[in-house]
């Protein structure tokens, strides 16, 4: 079932925030958005835990150069949503890198949506 528009808009805002250097370089902000049991299969094929991804993102440098298109959100249950989108990252040489991305978001008891799983799949 398609997620209600207000929730889809909220999840898009959360996904967009996770693309920003302000959030990616802040352990506190990452802890607000990622669940402690978070797991990721990256575009590279590598698997990451919560601690792995926080360590990696906090140390990341460079400009915000990612965007989201073709976003959709589907309810898997009352408290679980699947977000899918196409991610575009502009490389230093100006070329673009495209990735199909999916995230599973969970509504936690404190009323906040947190990402529990993310996967990136190369599309070129």
PDB file of N, CA and C in Angstrom:
ATOM      1  N   UNK A   1       0.840  -1.170   0.000  1.00  0.00           N
ATOM      2  CA  UNK A   1       0.000   0.000   0.000  1.00  0.00           C
ATOM      3  C   UNK A   1       0.894   1.244   0.000  1.00  0.00           C
ATOM      4  N   UNK A   2       0.579   2.177  -0.850  1.00  0.00           N
ATOM      5  CA  UNK A   2       1.320   3.431  -0.917  1.00  0.00           C
ATOM      6  C   UNK A   2       1.204   4.174   0.405  1.00  0.00           C
ATOM      7  N   UNK A   3       2.301   4.751   0.850  1.00  0.00           N
ATOM      8  CA  UNK A   3       2.296   5.521   2.098  1.00  0.00           C
ATOM      9  C   UNK A   3       1.459   6.782   1.907  1.00  0.00           C
ATOM     10  N   UNK A   4       0.762   7.223   2.967  1.00  0.00           N
ATOM     11  CA  UNK A   4       0.035   8.492   2.879  1.00  0.00           C
ATOM     12  C   UNK A   4       1.001   9.619   2.503  1.00  0.00           C
ATOM     13  N   UNK A   5       0.517  10.589   1.738  1.00  0.00           N
ATOM     14  CA  UNK A   5       1.386  11.665   1.253  1.00  0.00           C
ATOM     15  C   UNK A   5       2.144  12.376   2.367  1.00  0.00           C
ATOM     16  N   UNK A   6       1.514  12.708   3.501  1.00  0.00           N
ATOM     17  CA  UNK A   6       2.298  13.375   4.555  1.00  0.00           C
ATOM     18  C   UNK A   6       3.484  12.527   5.040  1.00  0.00           C
ATOM     19  N   UNK A   7       3.294  11.222   5.135  1.00  0.00           N
ATOM     20  CA  UNK A   7       4.394  10.355   5.555  1.00  0.00           C
ATOM     21  C   UNK A   7       5.444  10.252   4.448  1.00  0.00           C
ATOM     22  N   UNK A   8       5.017  10.092   3.207  1.00  0.00           N
ATOM     23  CA  UNK A   8       5.969  10.028   2.091  1.00  0.00           C
ATOM     24  C   UNK A   8       6.804  11.303   2.040  1.00  0.00           C
ATOM     25  N   UNK A   9       6.162  12.448   2.230  1.00  0.00           N
ATOM     26  CA  UNK A   9       6.891  13.721   2.236  1.00  0.00           C
ATOM     27  C   UNK A   9       7.886  13.776   3.392  1.00  0.00           C
ATOM     28  N   UNK A  10       7.469  13.264   4.548  1.00  0.00           N
ATOM     29  CA  UNK A  10       8.353  13.254   5.720  1.00  0.00           C
ATOM     30  C   UNK A  10       9.566  12.347   5.480  1.00  0.00           C
ATOM     31  N   UNK A  11       9.332  11.165   4.936  1.00  0.00           N
ATOM     32  CA  UNK A  11      10.442  10.245   4.660  1.00  0.00           C
ATOM     33  C   UNK A  11      11.382  10.815   3.600  1.00  0.00           C
ATOM     34  N   UNK A  12      10.829  11.482   2.600  1.00  0.00           N
ATOM     35  CA  UNK A  12      11.677  12.138   1.600  1.00  0.00           C
ATOM     36  C   UNK A  12      12.543  13.209   2.267  1.00  0.00           C
ATOM     37  N   UNK A  13      11.963  13.956   3.190  1.00  0.00           N
ATOM     38  CA  UNK A  13      12.737  14.980   3.906  1.00  0.00           C
ATOM     39  C   UNK A  13      13.857  14.340   4.729  1.00  0.00           C
ATOM     40  N   UNK A  14      13.570  13.197   5.359  1.00  0.00           N
ATOM     41  CA  UNK A  14      14.600  12.504   6.138  1.00  0.00           C
ATOM     42  C   UNK A  14      15.708  11.974   5.226  1.00  0.00           C
ATOM     43  N   UNK A  15      15.322  11.375   4.104  1.00  0.00           N
ATOM     44  CA  UNK A  15      16.319  10.875   3.142  1.00  0.00           C
ATOM     45  C   UNK A  15      17.173  12.033   2.612  1.00  0.00           C
ATOM     46  N   UNK A  16      16.527  13.145   2.319  1.00  0.00           N
ATOM     47  CA  UNK A  16      17.247  14.315   1.817  1.00  0.00           C
ATOM     48  C   UNK A  16      18.212  14.847   2.867  1.00  0.00           C
ATOM     49  N   UNK A  17      17.775  14.879   4.121  1.00  0.00           N
ATOM     50  CA  UNK A  17      18.653  15.337   5.208  1.00  0.00           C
ATOM     51  C   UNK A  17      19.892  14.459   5.300  1.00  0.00           C
ATOM     52  N   UNK A  18      19.708  13.160   5.105  1.00  0.00           N
ATOM     53  CA  UNK A  18      20.846  12.241   5.182  1.00  0.00           C
ATOM     54  C   UNK A  18      21.850  12.440   4.043  1.00  0.00           C
ATOM     55  N   UNK A  19      21.480  13.192   3.033  1.00  0.00           N
ATOM     56  CA  UNK A  19      22.395  13.496   1.929  1.00  0.00           C
ATOM     57  C   UNK A  19      23.271  14.715   2.235  1.00  0.00           C
ATOM     58  N   UNK A  20      22.931  15.466   3.283  1.00  0.00           N
ATOM     59  CA  UNK A  20      23.633  16.723   3.553  1.00  0.00           C
ATOM     60  C   UNK A  20      24.857  16.509   4.435  1.00  0.00           C
ATOM     61  N   UNK A  21      25.858  17.310   4.201  1.00  0.00           N
ATOM     62  CA  UNK A  21      27.081  17.253   5.006  1.00  0.00           C
ATOM     63  C   UNK A  21      26.776  17.581   6.467  1.00  0.00           C
ATOM     64  N   UNK A  22      25.852  18.512   6.706  1.00  0.00           N
ATOM     65  CA  UNK A  22      25.489  18.896   8.075  1.00  0.00           C
ATOM     66  C   UNK A  22      25.056  17.683   8.895  1.00  0.00           C
ATOM     67  N   UNK A  23      24.253  16.828   8.315  1.00  0.00           N
ATOM     68  CA  UNK A  23      23.785  15.629   9.016  1.00  0.00           C
ATOM     69  C   UNK A  23      24.852  14.537   8.986  1.00  0.00           C
ATOM     70  N   UNK A  24      25.451  14.309   7.846  1.00  0.00           N
ATOM     71  CA  UNK A  24      26.423  13.224   7.696  1.00  0.00           C
ATOM     72  C   UNK A  24      27.640  13.398   8.598  1.00  0.00           C
ATOM     73  N   UNK A  25      28.009  14.632   8.904  1.00  0.00           N
ATOM     74  CA  UNK A  25      29.173  14.881   9.756  1.00  0.00           C
ATOM     75  C   UNK A  25      28.822  15.021  11.226  1.00  0.00           C
ATOM     76  N   UNK A  26      27.577  14.751  11.604  1.00  0.00           N
ATOM     77  CA  UNK A  26      27.138  14.892  12.990  1.00  0.00           C
ATOM     78  C   UNK A  26      26.682  13.543  13.547  1.00  0.00           C
ATOM     79  N   UNK A  27      27.464  12.998  14.463  1.00  0.00           N
ATOM     80  CA  UNK A  27      27.071  11.731  15.080  1.00  0.00           C
ATOM     81  C   UNK A  27      25.719  11.866  15.771  1.00  0.00           C
ATOM     82  N   UNK A  28      25.484  12.998  16.418  1.00  0.00           N
ATOM     83  CA  UNK A  28      24.213  13.227  17.113  1.00  0.00           C
ATOM     84  C   UNK A  28      23.038  13.182  16.133  1.00  0.00           C
ATOM     85  N   UNK A  29      23.162  13.856  15.006  1.00  0.00           N
ATOM     86  CA  UNK A  29      22.075  13.871  14.023  1.00  0.00           C
ATOM     87  C   UNK A  29      21.895  12.506  13.372  1.00  0.00           C
ATOM     88  N   UNK A  30      22.990  11.798  13.131  1.00  0.00           N
ATOM     89  CA  UNK A  30      22.872  10.449  12.574  1.00  0.00           C
ATOM     90  C   UNK A  30      22.152   9.524  13.542  1.00  0.00           C
ATOM     91  N   UNK A  31      22.426   9.669  14.831  1.00  0.00           N
ATOM     92  CA  UNK A  31      21.756   8.839  15.838  1.00  0.00           C
ATOM     93  C   UNK A  31      20.257   9.129  15.912  1.00  0.00           C
ATOM     94  N   UNK A  32      19.847  10.332  15.521  1.00  0.00           N
ATOM     95  CA  UNK A  32      18.423  10.669  15.479  1.00  0.00           C
ATOM     96  C   UNK A  32      17.725   9.992  14.304  1.00  0.00           C
ATOM     97  N   UNK A  33      18.469   9.741  13.220  1.00  0.00           N
ATOM     98  CA  UNK A  33      17.862   9.240  11.987  1.00  0.00           C
ATOM     99  C   UNK A  33      18.093   7.760  11.712  1.00  0.00           C
ATOM    100  N   UNK A  34      19.162   7.206  12.270  1.00  0.00           N
ATOM    101  CA  UNK A  34      19.481   5.796  12.044  1.00  0.00           C
ATOM    102  C   UNK A  34      19.240   4.997  13.317  1.00  0.00           C
ATOM    103  N   UNK A  35      18.584   3.855  13.188  1.00  0.00           N
ATOM    104  CA  UNK A  35      18.323   2.988  14.341  1.00  0.00           C
ATOM    105  C   UNK A  35      19.620   2.318  14.793  1.00  0.00           C
ATOM    106  N   UNK A  36      19.736   1.999  16.082  1.00  0.00           N
ATOM    107  CA  UNK A  36      20.946   1.323  16.572  1.00  0.00           C
ATOM    108  C   UNK A  36      21.212  -0.011  15.871  1.00  0.00           C
ATOM    109  N   UNK A  37      20.157  -0.660  15.374  1.00  0.00           N
ATOM    110  CA  UNK A  37      20.315  -1.936  14.674  1.00  0.00           C
ATOM    111  C   UNK A  37      20.417  -1.755  13.153  1.00  0.00           C
ATOM    112  N   UNK A  38      20.715  -0.551  12.712  1.00  0.00           N
ATOM    113  CA  UNK A  38      20.852  -0.217  11.297  1.00  0.00           C
ATOM    114  C   UNK A  38      21.882  -1.111  10.598  1.00  0.00           C
ATOM    115  N   UNK A  39      21.556  -1.486   9.352  1.00  0.00           N
ATOM    116  CA  UNK A  39      22.460  -2.234   8.481  1.00  0.00           C
ATOM    117  C   UNK A  39      22.375  -1.626   7.085  1.00  0.00           C
ATOM    118  N   UNK A  40      23.479  -1.706   6.356  1.00  0.00           N
ATOM    119  CA  UNK A  40      23.486  -1.213   4.977  1.00  0.00           C
ATOM    120  C   UNK A  40      24.296  -2.143   4.091  1.00  0.00           C
ATOM    121  N   UNK A  41      23.778  -2.358   2.876  1.00  0.00           N
ATOM    122  CA  UNK A  41      24.554  -2.944   1.795  1.00  0.00           C
ATOM    123  C   UNK A  41      24.808  -1.797   0.831  1.00  0.00           C
ATOM    124  N   UNK A  42      26.037  -1.327   0.793  1.00  0.00           N
ATOM    125  CA  UNK A  42      26.376  -0.159  -0.006  1.00  0.00           C
ATOM    126  C   UNK A  42      26.452  -0.450  -1.489  1.00  0.00           C
ATOM    127  N   UNK A  43      26.521   0.624  -2.255  1.00  0.00           N
ATOM    128  CA  UNK A  43      26.651   0.552  -3.707  1.00  0.00           C
ATOM    129  C   UNK A  43      27.852  -0.304  -4.096  1.00  0.00           C
ATOM    130  N   UNK A  44      28.880  -0.271  -3.257  1.00  0.00           N
ATOM    131  CA  UNK A  44      30.116  -1.024  -3.497  1.00  0.00           C
ATOM    132  C   UNK A  44      29.952  -2.523  -3.269  1.00  0.00           C
ATOM    133  N   UNK A  45      28.846  -2.902  -2.613  1.00  0.00           N
ATOM    134  CA  UNK A  45      28.648  -4.297  -2.250  1.00  0.00           C
ATOM    135  C   UNK A  45      29.082  -4.599  -0.827  1.00  0.00           C
ATOM    136  N   UNK A  46      29.722  -3.638  -0.182  1.00  0.00           N
ATOM    137  CA  UNK A  46      30.161  -3.837   1.201  1.00  0.00           C
ATOM    138  C   UNK A  46      28.988  -3.726   2.165  1.00  0.00           C
ATOM    139  N   UNK A  47      29.068  -4.460   3.268  1.00  0.00           N
ATOM    140  CA  UNK A  47      28.045  -4.412   4.314  1.00  0.00           C
ATOM    141  C   UNK A  47      28.543  -3.524   5.450  1.00  0.00           C
ATOM    142  N   UNK A  48      27.633  -2.732   6.000  1.00  0.00           N
ATOM    143  CA  UNK A  48      27.972  -1.805   7.078  1.00  0.00           C
ATOM    144  C   UNK A  48      27.009  -1.975   8.245  1.00  0.00           C
ATOM    145  N   UNK A  49      27.540  -1.831   9.454  1.00  0.00           N
ATOM    146  CA  UNK A  49      26.714  -1.773  10.659  1.00  0.00           C
ATOM    147  C   UNK A  49      26.479  -0.305  11.001  1.00  0.00           C
ATOM    148  N   UNK A  50      25.689  -0.068  12.021  1.00  0.00           N
ATOM    149  CA  UNK A  50      25.458   1.297  12.504  1.00  0.00           C
ATOM    150  C   UNK A  50      26.781   1.978  12.827  1.00  0.00           C
ATOM    151  N   UNK A  51      27.620   1.313  13.626  1.00  0.00           N
ATOM    152  CA  UNK A  51      28.895   1.919  14.019  1.00  0.00           C
ATOM    153  C   UNK A  51      29.792   2.178  12.809  1.00  0.00           C
ATOM    154  N   UNK A  52      29.815   1.241  11.861  1.00  0.00           N
ATOM    155  CA  UNK A  52      30.621   1.425  10.646  1.00  0.00           C
ATOM    156  C   UNK A  52      30.200   2.680   9.891  1.00  0.00           C
ATOM    157  N   UNK A  53      28.899   2.817   9.677  1.00  0.00           N
ATOM    158  CA  UNK A  53      28.420   3.912   8.833  1.00  0.00           C
ATOM    159  C   UNK A  53      28.584   5.250   9.534  1.00  0.00           C
ATOM    160  N   UNK A  54      28.353   5.299  10.853  1.00  0.00           N
ATOM    161  CA  UNK A  54      28.546   6.556  11.584  1.00  0.00           C
ATOM    162  C   UNK A  54      30.014   6.970  11.518  1.00  0.00           C
ATOM    163  N   UNK A  55      30.923   6.038  11.759  1.00  0.00           N
ATOM    164  CA  UNK A  55      32.357   6.346  11.688  1.00  0.00           C
ATOM    165  C   UNK A  55      32.734   6.862  10.305  1.00  0.00           C
ATOM    166  N   UNK A  56      32.228   6.214   9.272  1.00  0.00           N
ATOM    167  CA  UNK A  56      32.530   6.604   7.893  1.00  0.00           C
ATOM    168  C   UNK A  56      31.967   7.987   7.564  1.00  0.00           C
ATOM    169  N   UNK A  57      30.692   8.218   7.886  1.00  0.00           N
ATOM    170  CA  UNK A  57      30.050   9.472   7.496  1.00  0.00           C
ATOM    171  C   UNK A  57      30.599  10.672   8.253  1.00  0.00           C
ATOM    172  N   UNK A  58      30.877  10.505   9.538  1.00  0.00           N
ATOM    173  CA  UNK A  58      31.387  11.624  10.335  1.00  0.00           C
ATOM    174  C   UNK A  58      32.735  12.103   9.785  1.00  0.00           C
ATOM    175  N   UNK A  59      33.507  11.199   9.213  1.00  0.00           N
ATOM    176  CA  UNK A  59      34.831  11.550   8.684  1.00  0.00           C
ATOM    177  C   UNK A  59      34.793  12.039   7.231  1.00  0.00           C
ATOM    178  N   UNK A  60      33.648  11.924   6.598  1.00  0.00           N
ATOM    179  CA  UNK A  60      33.519  12.279   5.186  1.00  0.00           C
ATOM    180  C   UNK A  60      33.757  13.776   4.971  1.00  0.00           C
ATOM    181  N   UNK A  61      34.381  14.113   3.854  1.00  0.00           N
ATOM    182  CA  UNK A  61      34.590  15.517   3.497  1.00  0.00           C
ATOM    183  C   UNK A  61      34.057  15.756   2.091  1.00  0.00           C
ATOM    184  N   UNK A  62      34.070  16.995   1.676  1.00  0.00           N
ATOM    185  CA  UNK A  62      33.628  17.323   0.326  1.00  0.00           C
ATOM    186  C   UNK A  62      32.259  17.969   0.327  1.00  0.00           C
ATOM    187  N   UNK A  63      31.839  18.433  -0.846  1.00  0.00           N
ATOM    188  CA  UNK A  63      30.563  19.148  -0.952  1.00  0.00           C
ATOM    189  C   UNK A  63      29.364  18.206  -0.938  1.00  0.00           C
ATOM    190  N   UNK A  64      28.193  18.783  -0.645  1.00  0.00           N
ATOM    191  CA  UNK A  64      26.936  18.053  -0.822  1.00  0.00           C
ATOM    192  C   UNK A  64      26.707  17.977  -2.330  1.00  0.00           C
ATOM    193  N   UNK A  65      26.765  16.796  -2.884  1.00  0.00           N
ATOM    194  CA  UNK A  65      26.657  16.678  -4.337  1.00  0.00           C
ATOM    195  C   UNK A  65      25.739  15.541  -4.754  1.00  0.00           C
ATOM    196  N   UNK A  66      24.742  15.247  -3.913  1.00  0.00           N
ATOM    197  CA  UNK A  66      23.807  14.160  -4.195  1.00  0.00           C
ATOM    198  C   UNK A  66      22.393  14.705  -4.310  1.00  0.00           C
ATOM    199  N   UNK A  67      21.591  14.025  -5.108  1.00  0.00           N
ATOM    200  CA  UNK A  67      20.182  14.399  -5.225  1.00  0.00           C
ATOM    201  C   UNK A  67      19.327  13.137  -5.318  1.00  0.00           C
ATOM    202  N   UNK A  68      18.037  13.327  -5.075  1.00  0.00           N
ATOM    203  CA  UNK A  68      17.063  12.233  -5.060  1.00  0.00           C
ATOM    204  C   UNK A  68      16.010  12.505  -6.125  1.00  0.00           C
ATOM    205  N   UNK A  69      15.664  11.471  -6.903  1.00  0.00           N
ATOM    206  CA  UNK A  69      14.557  11.567  -7.855  1.00  0.00           C
ATOM    207  C   UNK A  69      13.763  10.268  -7.814  1.00  0.00           C
ATOM    208  N   UNK A  70      12.590  10.297  -8.414  1.00  0.00           N
ATOM    209  CA  UNK A  70      11.722   9.115  -8.515  1.00  0.00           C
ATOM    210  C   UNK A  70      11.452   8.486  -7.150  1.00  0.00           C
ATOM    211  N   UNK A  71      11.207   9.321  -6.146  1.00  0.00           N
ATOM    212  CA  UNK A  71      10.987   8.834  -4.783  1.00  0.00           C
ATOM    213  C   UNK A  71       9.588   8.247  -4.644  1.00  0.00           C
ATOM    214  N   UNK A  72       9.500   7.120  -3.952  1.00  0.00           N
ATOM    215  CA  UNK A  72       8.195   6.568  -3.576  1.00  0.00           C
ATOM    216  C   UNK A  72       8.315   5.895  -2.216  1.00  0.00           C
ATOM    217  N   UNK A  73       7.198   5.819  -1.526  1.00  0.00           N
ATOM    218  CA  UNK A  73       7.163   5.179  -0.207  1.00  0.00           C
ATOM    219  C   UNK A  73       5.974   4.237  -0.150  1.00  0.00           C
ATOM    220  N   UNK A  74       6.222   3.046   0.375  1.00  0.00           N
ATOM    221  CA  UNK A  74       5.213   1.999   0.484  1.00  0.00           C
ATOM    222  C   UNK A  74       5.160   1.515   1.918  1.00  0.00           C
ATOM    223  N   UNK A  75       3.966   1.352   2.443  1.00  0.00           N
ATOM    224  CA  UNK A  75       3.803   0.833   3.801  1.00  0.00           C
ATOM    225  C   UNK A  75       3.948  -0.686   3.770  1.00  0.00           C
ATOM    226  N   UNK A  76       4.818  -1.223   4.617  1.00  0.00           N
ATOM    227  CA  UNK A  76       4.956  -2.667   4.774  1.00  0.00           C
ATOM    228  C   UNK A  76       4.143  -3.155   5.962  1.00  0.00           C
ATOM    229  N   UNK A  77       3.908  -2.259   6.917  1.00  0.00           N
ATOM    230  CA  UNK A  77       3.028  -2.493   8.064  1.00  0.00           C
ATOM    231  C   UNK A  77       2.672  -1.116   8.612  1.00  0.00           C
ATOM    232  N   UNK A  78       1.970  -1.069   9.735  1.00  0.00           N
ATOM    233  CA  UNK A  78       1.605   0.229  10.315  1.00  0.00           C
ATOM    234  C   UNK A  78       2.818   1.034  10.759  1.00  0.00           C
ATOM    235  N   UNK A  79       3.915   0.351  11.071  1.00  0.00           N
ATOM    236  CA  UNK A  79       5.089   1.038  11.616  1.00  0.00           C
ATOM    237  C   UNK A  79       6.364   0.832  10.793  1.00  0.00           C
ATOM    238  N   UNK A  80       6.222   0.251   9.611  1.00  0.00           N
ATOM    239  CA  UNK A  80       7.377  -0.003   8.741  1.00  0.00           C
ATOM    240  C   UNK A  80       7.054   0.509   7.335  1.00  0.00           C
ATOM    241  N   UNK A  81       7.985   1.292   6.772  1.00  0.00           N
ATOM    242  CA  UNK A  81       7.796   1.820   5.418  1.00  0.00           C
ATOM    243  C   UNK A  81       9.048   1.561   4.587  1.00  0.00           C
ATOM    244  N   UNK A  82       8.831   1.299   3.312  1.00  0.00           N
ATOM    245  CA  UNK A  82       9.911   1.118   2.350  1.00  0.00           C
ATOM    246  C   UNK A  82       9.977   2.358   1.470  1.00  0.00           C
ATOM    247  N   UNK A  83      11.137   2.991   1.423  1.00  0.00           N
ATOM    248  CA  UNK A  83      11.360   4.133   0.538  1.00  0.00           C
ATOM    249  C   UNK A  83      12.302   3.691  -0.577  1.00  0.00           C
ATOM    250  N   UNK A  84      11.963   4.042  -1.814  1.00  0.00           N
ATOM    251  CA  UNK A  84      12.842   3.747  -2.943  1.00  0.00           C
ATOM    252  C   UNK A  84      13.030   5.024  -3.756  1.00  0.00           C
ATOM    253  N   UNK A  85      14.212   5.147  -4.359  1.00  0.00           N
ATOM    254  CA  UNK A  85      14.486   6.320  -5.183  1.00  0.00           C
ATOM    255  C   UNK A  85      15.736   6.104  -6.021  1.00  0.00           C
ATOM    256  N   UNK A  86      15.933   7.018  -6.927  1.00  0.00           N
ATOM    257  CA  UNK A  86      17.159   7.035  -7.734  1.00  0.00           C
ATOM    258  C   UNK A  86      18.046   8.139  -7.170  1.00  0.00           C
ATOM    259  N   UNK A  87      19.239   7.757  -6.797  1.00  0.00           N
ATOM    260  CA  UNK A  87      20.201   8.731  -6.286  1.00  0.00           C
ATOM    261  C   UNK A  87      21.178   9.124  -7.378  1.00  0.00           C
ATOM    262  N   UNK A  88      21.499  10.399  -7.417  1.00  0.00           N
ATOM    263  CA  UNK A  88      22.485  10.907  -8.367  1.00  0.00           C
ATOM    264  C   UNK A  88      23.558  11.648  -7.585  1.00  0.00           C
ATOM    265  N   UNK A  89      24.801  11.296  -7.845  1.00  0.00           N
ATOM    266  CA  UNK A  89      25.928  11.994  -7.217  1.00  0.00           C
ATOM    267  C   UNK A  89      26.809  12.536  -8.327  1.00  0.00           C
ATOM    268  N   UNK A  90      27.179  13.808  -8.190  1.00  0.00           N
ATOM    269  CA  UNK A  90      28.065  14.433  -9.163  1.00  0.00           C
ATOM    270  C   UNK A  90      29.504  14.243  -8.689  1.00  0.00           C
ATOM    271  N   UNK A  91      30.299  13.614  -9.519  1.00  0.00           N
ATOM    272  CA  UNK A  91      31.717  13.397  -9.202  1.00  0.00           C
ATOM    273  C   UNK A  91      32.499  14.703  -9.370  1.00  0.00           C
ATOM    274  N   UNK A  92      33.724  14.704  -8.882  1.00  0.00           N
ATOM    275  CA  UNK A  92      34.586  15.885  -8.982  1.00  0.00           C
ATOM    276  C   UNK A  92      34.811  16.324 -10.428  1.00  0.00           C
ATOM    277  N   UNK A  93      34.804  15.367 -11.363  1.00  0.00           N
ATOM    278  CA  UNK A  93      35.030  15.711 -12.774  1.00  0.00           C
ATOM    279  C   UNK A  93      33.749  16.152 -13.488  1.00  0.00           C
ATOM    280  N   UNK A  94      32.626  16.216 -12.735  1.00  0.00           N
ATOM    281  CA  UNK A  94      31.357  16.658 -13.304  1.00  0.00           C
ATOM    282  C   UNK A  94      30.487  15.538 -13.828  1.00  0.00           C
ATOM    283  N   UNK A  95      31.014  14.337 -13.951  1.00  0.00           N
ATOM    284  CA  UNK A  95      30.196  13.212 -14.406  1.00  0.00           C
ATOM    285  C   UNK A  95      29.247  12.783 -13.289  1.00  0.00           C
ATOM    286  N   UNK A  96      28.209  12.054 -13.673  1.00  0.00           N
ATOM    287  CA  UNK A  96      27.199  11.643 -12.706  1.00  0.00           C
ATOM    288  C   UNK A  96      27.273  10.150 -12.432  1.00  0.00           C
ATOM    289  N   UNK A  97      26.997   9.802 -11.189  1.00  0.00           N
ATOM    290  CA  UNK A  97      26.970   8.419 -10.731  1.00  0.00           C
ATOM    291  C   UNK A  97      25.538   8.134 -10.282  1.00  0.00           C
ATOM    292  N   UNK A  98      24.885   7.131 -10.875  1.00  0.00           N
ATOM    293  CA  UNK A  98      23.489   6.825 -10.572  1.00  0.00           C
ATOM    294  C   UNK A  98      23.387   5.537  -9.758  1.00  0.00           C
ATOM    295  N   UNK A  99      22.496   5.552  -8.777  1.00  0.00           N
ATOM    296  CA  UNK A  99      22.309   4.403  -7.898  1.00  0.00           C
ATOM    297  C   UNK A  99      20.829   4.261  -7.575  1.00  0.00           C
ATOM    298  N   UNK A 100      20.292   3.046  -7.703  1.00  0.00           N
ATOM    299  CA  UNK A 100      18.952   2.771  -7.181  1.00  0.00           C
ATOM    300  C   UNK A 100      19.105   2.508  -5.691  1.00  0.00           C
ATOM    301  N   UNK A 101      18.274   3.177  -4.901  1.00  0.00           N
ATOM    302  CA  UNK A 101      18.408   3.075  -3.451  1.00  0.00           C
ATOM    303  C   UNK A 101      17.079   2.677  -2.819  1.00  0.00           C
ATOM    304  N   UNK A 102      17.189   1.909  -1.738  1.00  0.00           N
ATOM    305  CA  UNK A 102      16.003   1.532  -0.966  1.00  0.00           C
ATOM    306  C   UNK A 102      16.346   1.618   0.512  1.00  0.00           C
ATOM    307  N   UNK A 103      15.374   2.064   1.277  1.00  0.00           N
ATOM    308  CA  UNK A 103      15.545   2.200   2.724  1.00  0.00           C
ATOM    309  C   UNK A 103      14.305   1.663   3.413  1.00  0.00           C
ATOM    310  N   UNK A 104      14.519   0.993   4.522  1.00  0.00           N
ATOM    311  CA  UNK A 104      13.404   0.579   5.367  1.00  0.00           C
ATOM    312  C   UNK A 104      13.423   1.474   6.595  1.00  0.00           C
ATOM    313  N   UNK A 105      12.292   2.126   6.827  1.00  0.00           N
ATOM    314  CA  UNK A 105      12.122   3.044   7.954  1.00  0.00           C
ATOM    315  C   UNK A 105      11.157   2.433   8.958  1.00  0.00           C
ATOM    316  N   UNK A 106      11.447   2.611  10.248  1.00  0.00           N
ATOM    317  CA  UNK A 106      10.608   2.073  11.328  1.00  0.00           C
ATOM    318  C   UNK A 106      10.156   3.224  12.222  1.00  0.00           C
ATOM    319  N   UNK A 107       8.883   3.221  12.560  1.00  0.00           N
ATOM    320  CA  UNK A 107       8.355   4.178  13.532  1.00  0.00           C
ATOM    321  C   UNK A 107       8.638   3.622  14.914  1.00  0.00           C
ATOM    322  N   UNK A 108       9.547   4.259  15.635  1.00  0.00           N
ATOM    323  CA  UNK A 108       9.951   3.783  16.955  1.00  0.00           C
ATOM    324  C   UNK A 108       8.979   4.259  18.035  1.00  0.00           C
ATOM    325  N   UNK A 109       9.024   3.644  19.222  1.00  0.00           N
ATOM    326  CA  UNK A 109       8.087   3.994  20.300  1.00  0.00           C
ATOM    327  C   UNK A 109       8.114   5.471  20.699  1.00  0.00           C
ATOM    328  N   UNK A 110       9.232   6.165  20.434  1.00  0.00           N
ATOM    329  CA  UNK A 110       9.297   7.593  20.772  1.00  0.00           C
ATOM    330  C   UNK A 110       8.624   8.471  19.714  1.00  0.00           C
ATOM    331  N   UNK A 111       8.008   7.840  18.698  1.00  0.00           N
ATOM    332  CA  UNK A 111       7.283   8.585  17.673  1.00  0.00           C
ATOM    333  C   UNK A 111       8.146   9.069  16.517  1.00  0.00           C
ATOM    334  N   UNK A 112       9.419   8.686  16.489  1.00  0.00           N
ATOM    335  CA  UNK A 112      10.320   9.109  15.416  1.00  0.00           C
ATOM    336  C   UNK A 112      10.549   7.976  14.424  1.00  0.00           C
ATOM    337  N   UNK A 113      10.621   8.346  13.151  1.00  0.00           N
ATOM    338  CA  UNK A 113      10.962   7.387  12.110  1.00  0.00           C
ATOM    339  C   UNK A 113      12.477   7.292  12.025  1.00  0.00           C
ATOM    340  N   UNK A 114      12.990   6.062  12.065  1.00  0.00           N
ATOM    341  CA  UNK A 114      14.428   5.827  11.955  1.00  0.00           C
ATOM    342  C   UNK A 114      14.686   4.761  10.889  1.00  0.00           C
ATOM    343  N   UNK A 115      15.760   4.970  10.158  1.00  0.00           N
ATOM    344  CA  UNK A 115      16.147   4.021   9.120  1.00  0.00           C
ATOM    345  C   UNK A 115      16.786   2.798   9.770  1.00  0.00           C
ATOM    346  N   UNK A 116      16.311   1.615   9.391  1.00  0.00           N
ATOM    347  CA  UNK A 116      16.881   0.377   9.922  1.00  0.00           C
ATOM    348  C   UNK A 116      17.687  -0.382   8.867  1.00  0.00           C
ATOM    349  N   UNK A 117      17.441  -0.076   7.587  1.00  0.00           N
ATOM    350  CA  UNK A 117      18.160  -0.765   6.517  1.00  0.00           C
ATOM    351  C   UNK A 117      18.253   0.145   5.301  1.00  0.00           C
ATOM    352  N   UNK A 118      19.372   0.052   4.605  1.00  0.00           N
ATOM    353  CA  UNK A 118      19.552   0.815   3.364  1.00  0.00           C
ATOM    354  C   UNK A 118      20.375  -0.024   2.391  1.00  0.00           C
ATOM    355  N   UNK A 119      20.025   0.070   1.115  1.00  0.00           N
ATOM    356  CA  UNK A 119      20.797  -0.621   0.083  1.00  0.00           C
ATOM    357  C   UNK A 119      20.942   0.284  -1.130  1.00  0.00           C
ATOM    358  N   UNK A 120      22.138   0.290  -1.690  1.00  0.00           N
ATOM    359  CA  UNK A 120      22.400   1.006  -2.932  1.00  0.00           C
ATOM    360  C   UNK A 120      22.833   0.016  -3.998  1.00  0.00           C
ATOM    361  N   UNK A 121      22.236   0.130  -5.186  1.00  0.00           N
ATOM    362  CA  UNK A 121      22.572  -0.753  -6.300  1.00  0.00           C
ATOM    363  C   UNK A 121      23.009   0.094  -7.488  1.00  0.00           C
ATOM    364  N   UNK A 122      24.214  -0.138  -7.968  1.00  0.00           N
ATOM    365  CA  UNK A 122      24.738   0.605  -9.118  1.00  0.00           C
ATOM    366  C   UNK A 122      23.851   0.378 -10.335  1.00  0.00           C
ATOM    367  N   UNK A 123      23.649   1.424 -11.125  1.00  0.00           N
ATOM    368  CA  UNK A 123      22.779   1.302 -12.301  1.00  0.00           C
ATOM    369  C   UNK A 123      23.509   1.531 -13.614  1.00  0.00           C
ATOM    370  N   UNK A 124      24.821   1.659 -13.587  1.00  0.00           N
ATOM    371  CA  UNK A 124      25.519   1.854 -14.861  1.00  0.00           C
ATOM    372  C   UNK A 124      26.305   0.635 -15.259  1.00  0.00           C
TER     373      UNK A 124
END
